[in-house]
Amino acid sequence: MPEAVAHGRRPAMRACGFCHLANGQGRPENASLAGLPAAYIVQQMADFKNGERKSAEPKMGPPSAMIQDAKAATDEEIKAAAAYFSSFPFKKWIRVVEAKEVPKTRIAGSMHVPTNDGTEPLGQRIIEMPEDLARTELRDGASGFVAYVPDGSIAKGESIVKTGGGKSIACGTCHGGDLKGLGPVPPLAGRSPSYTVRQLFDLQQGVRKGTWSTLMKSAVEKLTIDDMIAIAAYTSSREP
C-alpha cells in the first residue's frame, strides 16, 4: 500500500484510504476507486487540482477535501495511489431496494444513519445507509451499504440507460454495454447511486469539467433530477 494511501502526508494531505477505504470500495459521500482506470484517477486528481472539478453544492465536505488533497499531492503520490486502487476489482458493495417507506435517518459523518425511530415515506429520493453502522464507523472494507430507491425507478432507469429515453444517448455507448467501463471511461455498474446522481448534477450544472467531462455535456443537459435518480437506481443495481 503506498504511503499516500496508508498515511497521507500530514498536515497537508489526508490518507486516501481513510475516506475511500484501504481497498478502494469507498462510501456514499465519496467515490469508489477500486477498479477504476488508473489514467482516469490521475485525470480526476488533475481536475481537482486545476479547479476543473468542484461541486454545485460548495458546502459539501468531500469535494472541498479532495481539492485540498489534490493540490498537496505530488505527481508521484498520485500515480502510485492510482495504480494501487486500479489494481483492485470492485466487488458487489451496495444492495439496491425499491421502497415506499424507509427507516428514518439523520446525517452523521456525511452519510445517512438510521435513528431507530420508525419509518418515513421515501418519495423521490435515494437514501443510502450502512448495512452495519458499527462496522462502517470502523472503516470496515468488507461491510457494505443498502440504497433505497423509489418504486419503479430501476425499470425507468433501465429504459433511459439503454435507449437515452429521448433525452440522452445510451450510456453503454461510452461506458460499455455492461456498464463496466470502456478504456479510460469509468464503470458505472454497482457503484453508489447517490454518488452517481451528484456527478450527473454537477456535470449538468457545469461545475465538473475537465478532459472527459465534455463528453457528458450533451448527455446530461436534458435530464431531470427524477431521471438522474432512475439512472442511478438502475446502474447501481447491476453487477460490477
Protein backbone atom coordinates (compact mmCIF):
# COMPACT_ATOMS: atom_id res chain seq x y z
CA MET A 1 0.00 0.00 0.00
CA PRO A 2 1.52 3.36 -1.00
CA GLU A 3 2.31 5.78 1.80
CA ALA A 4 -0.19 8.29 0.38
CA VAL A 5 -2.97 5.72 0.76
CA ALA A 6 -1.92 4.39 4.15
CA HIS A 7 -0.93 7.57 5.98
CA GLY A 8 -1.06 10.58 3.67
CA ARG A 9 1.34 13.40 4.45
CA ARG A 10 0.25 15.35 7.48
CA PRO A 11 -0.88 18.05 7.80
CA ALA A 12 -1.08 18.82 4.08
CA MET A 13 -2.73 15.64 2.76
CA ARG A 14 -5.11 13.08 4.25
CA ALA A 15 -4.58 9.36 3.75
CA CYS A 16 -6.54 8.30 0.65
CA GLY A 17 -7.59 5.10 2.42
CA PHE A 18 -9.25 6.94 5.30
CA CYS A 19 -12.17 8.12 3.15
CA HIS A 20 -12.04 5.72 0.19
CA LEU A 21 -11.05 2.74 2.40
CA ALA A 22 -7.87 0.73 2.02
CA ASN A 23 -9.42 -1.47 -0.68
CA GLY A 24 -10.92 1.48 -2.59
CA GLN A 25 -14.54 0.39 -2.12
CA GLY A 26 -15.49 3.90 -0.99
CA ARG A 27 -18.56 5.22 0.81
CA PRO A 28 -21.68 7.13 -0.30
CA GLU A 29 -20.15 10.52 0.49
CA ASN A 30 -17.12 9.89 -1.73
CA ALA A 31 -16.20 7.68 -4.68
CA SER A 32 -15.39 4.02 -5.07
CA LEU A 33 -11.91 3.92 -6.61
CA ALA A 34 -11.43 0.17 -6.85
CA GLY A 35 -11.20 -0.98 -10.44
CA LEU A 36 -11.22 2.50 -11.98
CA PRO A 37 -8.70 3.02 -14.81
CA ALA A 38 -5.51 4.47 -13.36
CA ALA A 39 -5.47 7.14 -16.08
CA TYR A 40 -8.98 8.20 -15.08
CA ILE A 41 -7.99 8.59 -11.41
CA VAL A 42 -4.91 10.63 -12.38
CA GLN A 43 -7.07 12.86 -14.59
CA GLN A 44 -9.62 13.47 -11.84
CA MET A 45 -6.87 14.48 -9.42
CA ALA A 46 -5.58 16.92 -12.04
CA ASP A 47 -9.10 18.30 -12.48
CA PHE A 48 -9.48 18.81 -8.73
CA LYS A 49 -6.06 20.47 -8.58
CA ASN A 50 -6.71 22.78 -11.53
CA GLY A 51 -10.17 23.92 -10.44
CA GLU A 52 -11.97 21.98 -13.18
CA ARG A 53 -13.90 19.81 -10.74
CA LYS A 54 -15.87 21.43 -7.95
CA SER A 55 -19.42 20.92 -6.67
CA ALA A 56 -22.75 22.59 -7.31
CA GLU A 57 -23.12 22.44 -3.52
CA PRO A 58 -19.90 24.14 -2.34
CA LYS A 59 -20.58 23.47 1.34
CA MET A 60 -20.41 19.72 0.77
CA GLY A 61 -17.35 18.34 2.53
CA PRO A 62 -15.84 15.72 0.19
CA PRO A 63 -15.24 17.95 -2.90
CA SER A 64 -13.54 20.57 -0.74
CA ALA A 65 -11.41 17.92 0.93
CA MET A 66 -10.42 16.46 -2.43
CA ILE A 67 -9.43 19.86 -3.81
CA GLN A 68 -7.16 20.41 -0.80
CA ASP A 69 -5.59 16.95 -1.04
CA ALA A 70 -5.14 17.13 -4.83
CA LYS A 71 -3.30 20.43 -4.55
CA ALA A 72 -0.99 18.97 -1.91
CA ALA A 73 -0.28 15.65 -3.64
CA THR A 74 2.79 15.19 -5.81
CA ASP A 75 2.64 13.57 -9.24
CA GLU A 76 4.45 10.53 -7.85
CA GLU A 77 1.96 10.14 -4.98
CA ILE A 78 -1.00 10.43 -7.35
CA LYS A 79 0.38 7.87 -9.80
CA ALA A 80 1.20 5.41 -7.02
CA ALA A 81 -2.26 5.71 -5.46
CA ALA A 82 -3.97 5.42 -8.86
CA ALA A 83 -2.05 2.27 -9.75
CA TYR A 84 -2.85 0.78 -6.33
CA PHE A 85 -6.61 1.42 -6.41
CA SER A 86 -6.99 0.38 -10.05
CA SER A 87 -5.41 -2.98 -9.22
CA PHE A 88 -8.39 -3.99 -7.07
CA PRO A 89 -11.52 -5.43 -8.68
CA PHE A 90 -14.60 -3.56 -7.47
CA LYS A 91 -16.82 -6.02 -5.60
CA LYS A 92 -20.58 -6.03 -5.00
CA TRP A 93 -20.98 -3.42 -2.27
CA ILE A 94 -24.47 -1.94 -2.46
CA ARG A 95 -27.83 -3.67 -2.08
CA VAL A 96 -30.45 -1.71 -4.03
CA VAL A 97 -34.03 -1.90 -2.74
CA GLU A 98 -37.10 -0.26 -4.25
CA ALA A 99 -39.30 1.06 -1.45
CA LYS A 100 -42.09 3.43 -0.49
CA GLU A 101 -41.17 3.57 3.21
CA VAL A 102 -37.63 3.72 4.60
CA PRO A 103 -36.07 3.87 8.05
CA LYS A 104 -35.86 7.39 9.46
CA THR A 105 -32.30 8.67 9.27
CA ARG A 106 -30.05 11.52 10.35
CA ILE A 107 -26.84 12.80 8.80
CA ALA A 108 -23.67 11.75 10.61
CA GLY A 109 -20.18 11.64 9.15
CA SER A 110 -21.52 12.89 5.78
CA MET A 111 -23.86 9.93 5.39
CA HIS A 112 -27.34 8.78 6.37
CA VAL A 113 -27.53 6.66 9.53
CA PRO A 114 -30.73 5.15 10.97
CA THR A 115 -32.33 6.78 14.01
CA ASN A 116 -34.14 3.56 15.03
CA ASP A 117 -37.29 5.66 15.34
CA GLY A 118 -39.66 4.16 12.81
CA THR A 119 -40.06 4.82 9.09
CA GLU A 120 -40.96 7.66 6.74
CA PRO A 121 -42.01 7.98 3.08
CA LEU A 122 -39.11 7.77 0.65
CA GLY A 123 -40.69 9.92 -2.08
CA GLN A 124 -38.37 10.79 -4.98
CA ARG A 125 -35.14 10.31 -3.08
CA ILE A 126 -32.26 7.90 -2.72
CA ILE A 127 -31.40 7.02 0.86
CA GLU A 128 -28.13 5.12 1.15
CA MET A 129 -27.01 3.85 4.54
CA PRO A 130 -24.66 1.29 6.09
CA GLU A 131 -25.74 -2.32 6.39
CA ASP A 132 -23.90 -2.38 9.72
CA LEU A 133 -23.22 1.07 11.19
CA ALA A 134 -20.70 -0.11 13.79
CA ARG A 135 -18.56 -1.84 11.15
CA THR A 136 -18.81 1.14 8.80
CA GLU A 137 -17.68 3.52 11.55
CA LEU A 138 -14.63 1.29 11.98
CA ARG A 139 -13.85 1.71 8.25
CA ASP A 140 -14.51 -1.98 7.66
CA GLY A 141 -13.78 -2.57 3.97
CA ALA A 142 -15.96 -5.69 3.93
CA SER A 143 -19.18 -4.12 5.23
CA GLY A 144 -21.31 -2.52 2.53
CA PHE A 145 -24.43 -0.39 2.14
CA VAL A 146 -28.12 -0.56 1.29
CA ALA A 147 -29.62 2.01 -1.08
CA TYR A 148 -33.37 2.61 -1.01
CA VAL A 149 -34.69 3.92 -4.33
CA PRO A 150 -38.22 4.89 -5.46
CA ASP A 151 -40.66 2.23 -6.63
CA GLY A 152 -40.33 1.66 -10.37
CA SER A 153 -37.09 3.62 -10.66
CA ILE A 154 -34.95 0.67 -11.72
CA ALA A 155 -37.14 -0.09 -14.76
CA LYS A 156 -37.37 3.60 -15.66
CA GLY A 157 -33.61 3.92 -15.33
CA GLU A 158 -33.02 0.85 -17.49
CA SER A 159 -35.01 2.44 -20.31
CA ILE A 160 -33.04 5.70 -20.15
CA VAL A 161 -29.68 3.93 -19.80
CA LYS A 162 -30.30 1.59 -22.73
CA THR A 163 -32.05 3.97 -25.14
CA GLY A 164 -31.48 7.51 -23.92
CA GLY A 165 -35.22 7.90 -23.36
CA GLY A 166 -35.39 10.68 -25.93
CA LYS A 167 -33.34 12.91 -23.63
CA SER A 168 -29.85 11.46 -23.85
CA ILE A 169 -27.83 8.73 -25.53
CA ALA A 170 -27.44 5.13 -24.42
CA CYS A 171 -24.93 5.09 -21.55
CA GLY A 172 -23.33 1.92 -22.89
CA THR A 173 -22.06 3.82 -25.92
CA CYS A 174 -19.20 5.17 -23.80
CA HIS A 175 -19.37 3.17 -20.56
CA GLY A 176 -19.64 -0.24 -22.23
CA GLY A 177 -22.67 -2.38 -22.90
CA ASP A 178 -22.32 -3.98 -19.47
CA LEU A 179 -21.61 -0.58 -17.84
CA LYS A 180 -18.25 -1.86 -16.64
CA GLY A 181 -16.24 0.85 -18.36
CA LEU A 182 -14.54 1.18 -21.71
CA GLY A 183 -10.90 2.20 -21.92
CA PRO A 184 -10.38 5.35 -19.83
CA VAL A 185 -14.16 5.81 -19.39
CA PRO A 186 -15.18 4.73 -15.86
CA PRO A 187 -17.50 1.86 -14.95
CA LEU A 188 -20.97 2.58 -13.54
CA ALA A 189 -22.28 -0.87 -12.61
CA GLY A 190 -22.73 -1.43 -8.89
CA ARG A 191 -21.40 1.98 -7.87
CA SER A 192 -23.02 4.26 -5.28
CA PRO A 193 -26.30 5.70 -6.63
CA SER A 194 -26.10 8.84 -4.51
CA TYR A 195 -22.58 9.48 -5.83
CA THR A 196 -23.77 8.91 -9.40
CA VAL A 197 -26.60 11.45 -9.00
CA ARG A 198 -24.19 14.04 -7.61
CA GLN A 199 -21.90 13.62 -10.60
CA LEU A 200 -24.72 13.85 -13.14
CA PHE A 201 -25.98 17.01 -11.43
CA ASP A 202 -22.51 18.60 -11.23
CA LEU A 203 -21.88 17.82 -14.90
CA GLN A 204 -25.22 19.34 -15.85
CA GLN A 205 -24.51 22.47 -13.79
CA GLY A 206 -21.09 22.86 -15.38
CA VAL A 207 -19.08 22.71 -12.16
CA ARG A 208 -17.47 19.40 -13.11
CA LYS A 209 -15.35 19.93 -16.19
CA GLY A 210 -12.05 18.51 -17.41
CA THR A 211 -10.87 16.31 -20.25
CA TRP A 212 -13.53 13.59 -20.12
CA SER A 213 -16.39 15.71 -18.82
CA THR A 214 -17.03 17.41 -22.15
CA LEU A 215 -18.25 14.05 -23.48
CA MET A 216 -21.04 14.12 -20.90
CA LYS A 217 -22.30 17.64 -21.56
CA SER A 218 -24.93 16.81 -24.19
CA ALA A 219 -25.79 13.54 -22.44
CA VAL A 220 -26.96 15.22 -19.23
CA GLU A 221 -28.32 18.61 -20.28
CA LYS A 222 -31.95 17.47 -20.68
CA LEU A 223 -32.14 15.15 -17.68
CA THR A 224 -34.42 15.96 -14.73
CA ILE A 225 -33.49 15.09 -11.14
CA ASP A 226 -36.01 12.23 -11.32
CA ASP A 227 -34.24 10.96 -14.45
CA MET A 228 -30.92 11.06 -12.63
CA ILE A 229 -32.36 9.15 -9.68
CA ALA A 230 -33.74 6.48 -12.02
CA ILE A 231 -30.46 6.17 -13.93
CA ALA A 232 -28.51 5.78 -10.68
CA ALA A 233 -31.02 3.26 -9.30
CA TYR A 234 -30.52 1.08 -12.36
CA THR A 235 -26.74 1.38 -12.71
CA SER A 236 -26.17 0.71 -9.01
CA SER A 237 -28.36 -2.40 -9.19
CA ARG A 238 -26.12 -4.00 -11.84
CA GLU A 239 -23.38 -6.48 -11.07
CA PRO A 240 -19.95 -4.75 -11.09
